[in-house]
Amino acid sequence: MWLWRGLGILCGMSLAVQAAMLGRLGTALESPIKASVVSFILGFVLLCAVVVFRDHSLDLGKAIRGHNPPWMWIGGLLGAVVVLMTSWLSPQLGTGLTVLVVLIGQVTGGL
């Protein structure tokens, strides 16, 4: 159980680091949208490699053909909004306040 708690803490810490990095990248590229695109491209490449090495396939057929609700595919869109807003807010508010307001949003949304 402590391993999972520790991984959760590391995940939260990575969100704070990511906010600082995205804010700086957005400033350097003069666009939070460009920073978000770069972030998603790099994340996509990494995740594809993990899937190929772990599962040896990128087959989505079972999920597409299954009796699953259409809204389950929206998670990626919400992730894009989170990354974009983090890229935009971090230079405006600072990393600490950005992480705080995102955390407040997560807690509120989880209620």
C-alpha atoms as a PDB file:
ATOM      1  CA  MET A   1       0.000   0.000   0.000  1.00  0.00           C
ATOM      2  CA  TRP A   2       2.869   2.374   0.763  1.00  0.00           C
ATOM      3  CA  LEU A   3       4.248   1.842  -2.737  1.00  0.00           C
ATOM      4  CA  TRP A   4       0.973   3.074  -4.281  1.00  0.00           C
ATOM      5  CA  ARG A   5       0.812   6.042  -1.924  1.00  0.00           C
ATOM      6  CA  GLY A   6       4.391   6.932  -2.798  1.00  0.00           C
ATOM      7  CA  LEU A   7       3.616   6.693  -6.507  1.00  0.00           C
ATOM      8  CA  GLY A   8       0.630   8.984  -5.985  1.00  0.00           C
ATOM      9  CA  ILE A   9       2.847  11.527  -4.241  1.00  0.00           C
ATOM     10  CA  LEU A  10       5.393  11.307  -7.075  1.00  0.00           C
ATOM     11  CA  CYS A  11       2.577  11.843  -9.559  1.00  0.00           C
ATOM     12  CA  GLY A  12       1.492  14.981  -7.716  1.00  0.00           C
ATOM     13  CA  MET A  13       5.067  16.216  -7.576  1.00  0.00           C
ATOM     14  CA  SER A  14       5.437  15.643 -11.306  1.00  0.00           C
ATOM     15  CA  LEU A  15       2.364  17.820 -11.930  1.00  0.00           C
ATOM     16  CA  ALA A  16       4.057  20.697 -10.132  1.00  0.00           C
ATOM     17  CA  VAL A  17       7.292  20.200 -12.070  1.00  0.00           C
ATOM     18  CA  GLN A  18       5.338  19.880 -15.318  1.00  0.00           C
ATOM     19  CA  ALA A  19       3.577  23.193 -14.636  1.00  0.00           C
ATOM     20  CA  ALA A  20       6.912  24.969 -14.289  1.00  0.00           C
ATOM     21  CA  MET A  21       8.324  23.292 -17.398  1.00  0.00           C
ATOM     22  CA  LEU A  22       5.248  23.992 -19.531  1.00  0.00           C
ATOM     23  CA  GLY A  23       5.173  27.600 -18.408  1.00  0.00           C
ATOM     24  CA  ARG A  24       8.814  28.074 -19.358  1.00  0.00           C
ATOM     25  CA  LEU A  25       8.363  26.242 -22.668  1.00  0.00           C
ATOM     26  CA  GLY A  26       5.302  28.351 -23.465  1.00  0.00           C
ATOM     27  CA  THR A  27       7.294  31.509 -22.761  1.00  0.00           C
ATOM     28  CA  ALA A  28      10.233  30.305 -24.881  1.00  0.00           C
ATOM     29  CA  LEU A  29       7.947  29.370 -27.784  1.00  0.00           C
ATOM     30  CA  GLU A  30       5.848  32.496 -27.228  1.00  0.00           C
ATOM     31  CA  SER A  31       2.732  30.330 -27.225  1.00  0.00           C
ATOM     32  CA  PRO A  32       1.159  28.079 -24.602  1.00  0.00           C
ATOM     33  CA  ILE A  33      -0.574  26.271 -27.468  1.00  0.00           C
ATOM     34  CA  LYS A  34       2.761  25.374 -29.095  1.00  0.00           C
ATOM     35  CA  ALA A  35       4.095  24.253 -25.711  1.00  0.00           C
ATOM     36  CA  SER A  36       1.054  22.007 -25.293  1.00  0.00           C
ATOM     37  CA  VAL A  37       1.536  20.504 -28.745  1.00  0.00           C
ATOM     38  CA  VAL A  38       5.207  19.757 -28.041  1.00  0.00           C
ATOM     39  CA  SER A  39       4.246  18.216 -24.701  1.00  0.00           C
ATOM     40  CA  PHE A  40       1.608  15.983 -26.275  1.00  0.00           C
ATOM     41  CA  ILE A  41       3.874  14.896 -29.142  1.00  0.00           C
ATOM     42  CA  LEU A  42       6.624  13.856 -26.728  1.00  0.00           C
ATOM     43  CA  GLY A  43       4.112  12.141 -24.446  1.00  0.00           C
ATOM     44  CA  PHE A  44       2.530  10.366 -27.413  1.00  0.00           C
ATOM     45  CA  VAL A  45       5.886   9.047 -28.617  1.00  0.00           C
ATOM     46  CA  LEU A  46       6.791   7.804 -25.134  1.00  0.00           C
ATOM     47  CA  LEU A  47       3.432   6.122 -24.569  1.00  0.00           C
ATOM     48  CA  CYS A  48       3.501   4.463 -28.000  1.00  0.00           C
ATOM     49  CA  ALA A  49       6.919   3.034 -27.199  1.00  0.00           C
ATOM     50  CA  VAL A  50       5.710   1.751 -23.817  1.00  0.00           C
ATOM     51  CA  VAL A  51       2.644   0.123 -25.396  1.00  0.00           C
ATOM     52  CA  VAL A  52       4.661  -1.497 -28.185  1.00  0.00           C
ATOM     53  CA  PHE A  53       7.288  -2.856 -25.788  1.00  0.00           C
ATOM     54  CA  ARG A  54       4.774  -3.926 -23.148  1.00  0.00           C
ATOM     55  CA  ASP A  55       1.761  -5.084 -25.171  1.00  0.00           C
ATOM     56  CA  HIS A  56       3.432  -5.534 -28.593  1.00  0.00           C
ATOM     57  CA  SER A  57       0.453  -3.878 -30.298  1.00  0.00           C
ATOM     58  CA  LEU A  58      -1.504  -0.632 -30.574  1.00  0.00           C
ATOM     59  CA  ASP A  59      -4.773  -2.471 -31.297  1.00  0.00           C
ATOM     60  CA  LEU A  60      -7.796  -0.430 -30.174  1.00  0.00           C
ATOM     61  CA  GLY A  61     -10.335  -2.614 -31.960  1.00  0.00           C
ATOM     62  CA  LYS A  62     -11.776  -4.276 -28.863  1.00  0.00           C
ATOM     63  CA  ALA A  63     -12.532  -0.924 -27.214  1.00  0.00           C
ATOM     64  CA  ILE A  64     -13.953   0.542 -30.427  1.00  0.00           C
ATOM     65  CA  ARG A  65     -16.169  -2.466 -31.165  1.00  0.00           C
ATOM     66  CA  GLY A  66     -17.208  -2.965 -27.541  1.00  0.00           C
ATOM     67  CA  HIS A  67     -20.379  -1.662 -25.984  1.00  0.00           C
ATOM     68  CA  ASN A  68     -18.682   1.300 -24.352  1.00  0.00           C
ATOM     69  CA  PRO A  69     -20.139   4.763 -23.805  1.00  0.00           C
ATOM     70  CA  PRO A  70     -18.881   7.423 -26.243  1.00  0.00           C
ATOM     71  CA  TRP A  71     -17.942   9.811 -23.418  1.00  0.00           C
ATOM     72  CA  MET A  72     -15.066   7.548 -22.343  1.00  0.00           C
ATOM     73  CA  TRP A  73     -12.979   8.902 -25.253  1.00  0.00           C
ATOM     74  CA  ILE A  74     -13.185  12.503 -23.995  1.00  0.00           C
ATOM     75  CA  GLY A  75     -10.405  12.019 -21.412  1.00  0.00           C
ATOM     76  CA  GLY A  76      -7.725  12.915 -23.937  1.00  0.00           C
ATOM     77  CA  LEU A  77      -9.508  16.157 -24.764  1.00  0.00           C
ATOM     78  CA  LEU A  78      -9.704  17.037 -21.090  1.00  0.00           C
ATOM     79  CA  GLY A  79      -6.008  16.209 -20.739  1.00  0.00           C
ATOM     80  CA  ALA A  80      -5.246  18.608 -23.588  1.00  0.00           C
ATOM     81  CA  VAL A  81      -7.225  21.352 -21.838  1.00  0.00           C
ATOM     82  CA  VAL A  82      -5.327  20.719 -18.591  1.00  0.00           C
ATOM     83  CA  VAL A  83      -1.936  20.901 -20.322  1.00  0.00           C
ATOM     84  CA  LEU A  84      -2.914  23.999 -22.297  1.00  0.00           C
ATOM     85  CA  MET A  85      -4.264  25.822 -19.248  1.00  0.00           C
ATOM     86  CA  THR A  86      -1.202  24.850 -17.209  1.00  0.00           C
ATOM     87  CA  SER A  87       1.036  26.219 -19.983  1.00  0.00           C
ATOM     88  CA  TRP A  88      -0.947  29.438 -20.042  1.00  0.00           C
ATOM     89  CA  LEU A  89      -1.523  29.932 -16.313  1.00  0.00           C
ATOM     90  CA  SER A  90       1.951  29.124 -15.016  1.00  0.00           C
ATOM     91  CA  PRO A  91       3.666  32.245 -16.436  1.00  0.00           C
ATOM     92  CA  GLN A  92       0.662  34.359 -15.401  1.00  0.00           C
ATOM     93  CA  LEU A  93       0.189  33.108 -11.834  1.00  0.00           C
ATOM     94  CA  GLY A  94       3.462  31.361 -11.053  1.00  0.00           C
ATOM     95  CA  THR A  95       3.953  27.646 -10.610  1.00  0.00           C
ATOM     96  CA  GLY A  96       2.866  27.441  -6.969  1.00  0.00           C
ATOM     97  CA  LEU A  97      -0.431  29.259  -7.445  1.00  0.00           C
ATOM     98  CA  THR A  98      -1.127  27.386 -10.681  1.00  0.00           C
ATOM     99  CA  VAL A  99      -0.664  24.046  -8.940  1.00  0.00           C
ATOM    100  CA  LEU A 100      -2.834  25.242  -6.051  1.00  0.00           C
ATOM    101  CA  VAL A 101      -5.760  26.337  -8.227  1.00  0.00           C
ATOM    102  CA  VAL A 102      -5.525  23.135 -10.285  1.00  0.00           C
ATOM    103  CA  LEU A 103      -5.567  21.124  -7.049  1.00  0.00           C
ATOM    104  CA  ILE A 104      -8.612  23.057  -5.839  1.00  0.00           C
ATOM    105  CA  GLY A 105     -10.270  22.287  -9.165  1.00  0.00           C
ATOM    106  CA  GLN A 106      -9.436  18.575  -8.843  1.00  0.00           C
ATOM    107  CA  VAL A 107     -10.841  18.379  -5.328  1.00  0.00           C
ATOM    108  CA  THR A 108     -13.970  20.313  -6.318  1.00  0.00           C
ATOM    109  CA  GLY A 109     -14.479  18.154  -9.427  1.00  0.00           C
ATOM    110  CA  GLY A 110     -14.038  14.997  -7.358  1.00  0.00           C
ATOM    111  CA  LEU A 111     -16.887  15.911  -5.020  1.00  0.00           C
END
